Amino acid sequence: MAAPNVLNPHPPEFERFLYASVGEDRNGYVVTVLSTLARLGLDPWKEAAELVALGRDAAQARLGTRLARFRDVPALASDHGRVARDLSQLLPEGPISGNLKRSAATVAGGRPGTSGAIWAVLAIIFLLFQMFMVGGSGSGE
């Protein structure tokens, strides 16, 4: 049976934080934390996992620094500290649980064993293709 997170491999613990608004852009569209981090060239789930690992105060400071660099939301220029404080409250709390550790490790390093499984499947497909091509051409002789 397939794992429950096949369609959404990202940790659900980060959704409340990543989908929170940082404000409106110049066109009046709501910009989320996820969009902000992506526009800054960061992996949003990896950044969220690192923020959780830092702890609340350090996460707030790092997030404030990130938001200060973001120019698409004009209100952040003067209010990035308050927004960072409010957003850091949305990060999962307390010590990282086993489930959250696995989620953070998956985000940071990818799904364990996935690349090996992909190569194994590709090798099997290649071998089957070769057997079909070689077996099919010799049957008429």
Protein backbone atom coordinates (compact mmCIF):
# COMPACT_ATOMS: atom_id res chain seq x y z
CA MET A 1 0.00 0.00 0.00
CA ALA A 2 1.25 3.48 -0.84
CA ALA A 3 2.38 5.83 1.89
CA PRO A 4 -0.25 8.44 2.83
CA ASN A 5 2.06 11.32 1.90
CA VAL A 6 2.74 10.25 -1.70
CA LEU A 7 0.66 13.07 -3.19
CA ASN A 8 1.91 15.65 -0.67
CA PRO A 9 5.40 14.70 0.50
CA HIS A 10 5.84 17.91 2.51
CA PRO A 11 5.40 17.87 6.29
CA PRO A 12 1.87 19.00 7.25
CA GLU A 13 3.27 20.54 10.46
CA PHE A 14 4.63 23.44 8.38
CA GLU A 15 1.43 24.26 6.47
CA ARG A 16 0.00 26.72 9.00
CA PHE A 17 3.27 28.68 8.87
CA LEU A 18 3.98 28.43 5.13
CA TYR A 19 0.47 29.38 4.01
CA ALA A 20 0.22 32.38 6.36
CA SER A 21 0.12 35.83 4.82
CA VAL A 22 3.04 38.26 5.02
CA GLY A 23 0.96 41.06 3.49
CA GLU A 24 -0.25 42.35 0.14
CA ASP A 25 1.92 43.13 -2.85
CA ARG A 26 1.60 46.29 -4.94
CA ASN A 27 -1.23 44.74 -6.97
CA GLY A 28 -3.29 43.89 -3.89
CA TYR A 29 -2.58 40.15 -3.93
CA VAL A 30 -1.92 38.31 -0.67
CA VAL A 31 1.63 36.96 -0.48
CA THR A 32 2.27 33.88 1.68
CA VAL A 33 5.40 32.84 3.55
CA LEU A 34 5.81 30.03 1.02
CA SER A 35 5.75 32.48 -1.87
CA THR A 36 8.06 34.89 -0.07
CA LEU A 37 10.70 32.25 0.63
CA ALA A 38 10.46 30.88 -2.90
CA ARG A 39 10.85 34.36 -4.41
CA LEU A 40 13.96 34.81 -2.26
CA GLY A 41 15.40 31.67 -3.87
CA LEU A 42 14.94 29.46 -0.79
CA ASP A 43 13.27 26.08 -0.44
CA PRO A 44 10.27 26.94 1.77
CA TRP A 45 9.99 23.52 3.47
CA LYS A 46 13.71 23.28 4.12
CA GLU A 47 13.73 26.81 5.52
CA ALA A 48 10.74 26.00 7.77
CA ALA A 49 12.51 22.88 9.06
CA GLU A 50 15.64 24.91 9.80
CA LEU A 51 13.61 27.61 11.58
CA VAL A 52 11.98 24.99 13.81
CA ALA A 53 15.40 23.55 14.64
CA LEU A 54 16.68 27.00 15.65
CA GLY A 55 14.06 27.62 18.32
CA ARG A 56 11.50 30.40 18.56
CA ASP A 57 13.76 33.43 19.25
CA ALA A 58 16.46 32.56 16.72
CA ALA A 59 13.78 31.64 14.18
CA GLN A 60 12.13 35.02 14.67
CA ALA A 61 15.43 36.83 14.12
CA ARG A 62 16.29 34.80 10.99
CA LEU A 63 12.80 35.22 9.59
CA GLY A 64 12.98 38.98 10.24
CA THR A 65 16.21 39.13 8.24
CA ARG A 66 14.61 37.21 5.38
CA LEU A 67 11.52 39.42 5.35
CA ALA A 68 13.62 42.61 5.42
CA ARG A 69 15.19 41.49 2.10
CA PHE A 70 11.78 40.94 0.48
CA ARG A 71 10.70 44.00 -1.52
CA ASP A 72 7.47 42.73 -3.16
CA VAL A 73 5.35 43.59 -0.09
CA PRO A 74 5.78 47.31 0.66
CA ALA A 75 4.49 47.06 4.25
CA LEU A 76 7.37 44.75 5.18
CA ALA A 77 9.90 47.54 4.77
CA SER A 78 8.84 49.09 8.06
CA ASP A 79 7.01 46.22 9.76
CA HIS A 80 9.11 43.10 9.09
CA GLY A 81 9.96 42.65 12.79
CA ARG A 82 6.34 42.43 13.92
CA VAL A 83 5.42 40.17 11.00
CA ALA A 84 8.37 37.89 11.80
CA ARG A 85 7.30 37.72 15.45
CA ASP A 86 3.71 36.84 14.51
CA LEU A 87 4.77 34.28 11.92
CA SER A 88 7.29 32.60 14.22
CA GLN A 89 4.36 31.81 16.55
CA LEU A 90 2.92 29.63 13.77
CA LEU A 91 5.95 27.32 13.69
CA PRO A 92 5.52 23.93 15.41
CA GLU A 93 6.32 24.25 19.11
CA GLY A 94 8.64 22.59 21.60
CA PRO A 95 11.39 20.11 20.97
CA ILE A 96 11.26 18.46 17.61
CA SER A 97 9.23 15.27 17.89
CA GLY A 98 10.25 12.06 16.15
CA ASN A 99 7.61 12.62 13.48
CA LEU A 100 8.72 16.20 12.90
CA LYS A 101 12.39 15.12 12.88
CA ARG A 102 11.62 12.62 10.12
CA SER A 103 9.67 15.31 8.26
CA ALA A 104 12.52 17.80 8.59
CA ALA A 105 15.06 15.18 7.53
CA THR A 106 12.92 14.29 4.52
CA VAL A 107 12.62 17.96 3.58
CA ALA A 108 16.32 18.59 4.03
CA GLY A 109 17.65 15.45 2.38
CA GLY A 110 14.85 14.12 0.20
CA ARG A 111 13.05 10.83 0.62
CA PRO A 112 15.51 8.19 1.79
CA GLY A 113 16.12 5.45 -0.79
CA THR A 114 14.04 7.09 -3.50
CA SER A 115 16.85 7.55 -6.01
CA GLY A 116 17.95 3.92 -5.60
CA ALA A 117 14.40 2.71 -6.17
CA ILE A 118 14.07 4.86 -9.28
CA TRP A 119 17.29 3.46 -10.72
CA ALA A 120 16.18 -0.09 -9.95
CA VAL A 121 12.86 0.41 -11.75
CA LEU A 122 14.62 2.00 -14.73
CA ALA A 123 17.08 -0.92 -14.89
CA ILE A 124 14.22 -3.44 -14.89
CA ILE A 125 12.39 -1.54 -17.64
CA PHE A 126 15.59 -1.41 -19.68
CA LEU A 127 16.16 -5.15 -19.26
CA LEU A 128 12.58 -5.97 -20.23
CA PHE A 129 12.89 -3.75 -23.27
CA GLN A 130 16.12 -5.48 -24.29
CA MET A 131 14.58 -8.92 -23.81
CA PHE A 132 11.56 -7.94 -25.89
CA MET A 133 13.69 -6.53 -28.73
CA VAL A 134 16.19 -9.42 -28.82
CA GLY A 135 13.59 -12.12 -28.25
CA GLY A 136 11.21 -10.70 -30.86
CA SER A 137 13.76 -10.50 -33.72
CA GLY A 138 15.00 -14.11 -33.39
CA SER A 139 11.59 -15.80 -33.31
CA GLY A 140 11.02 -15.62 -37.10
CA GLU A 141 14.28 -17.26 -38.18
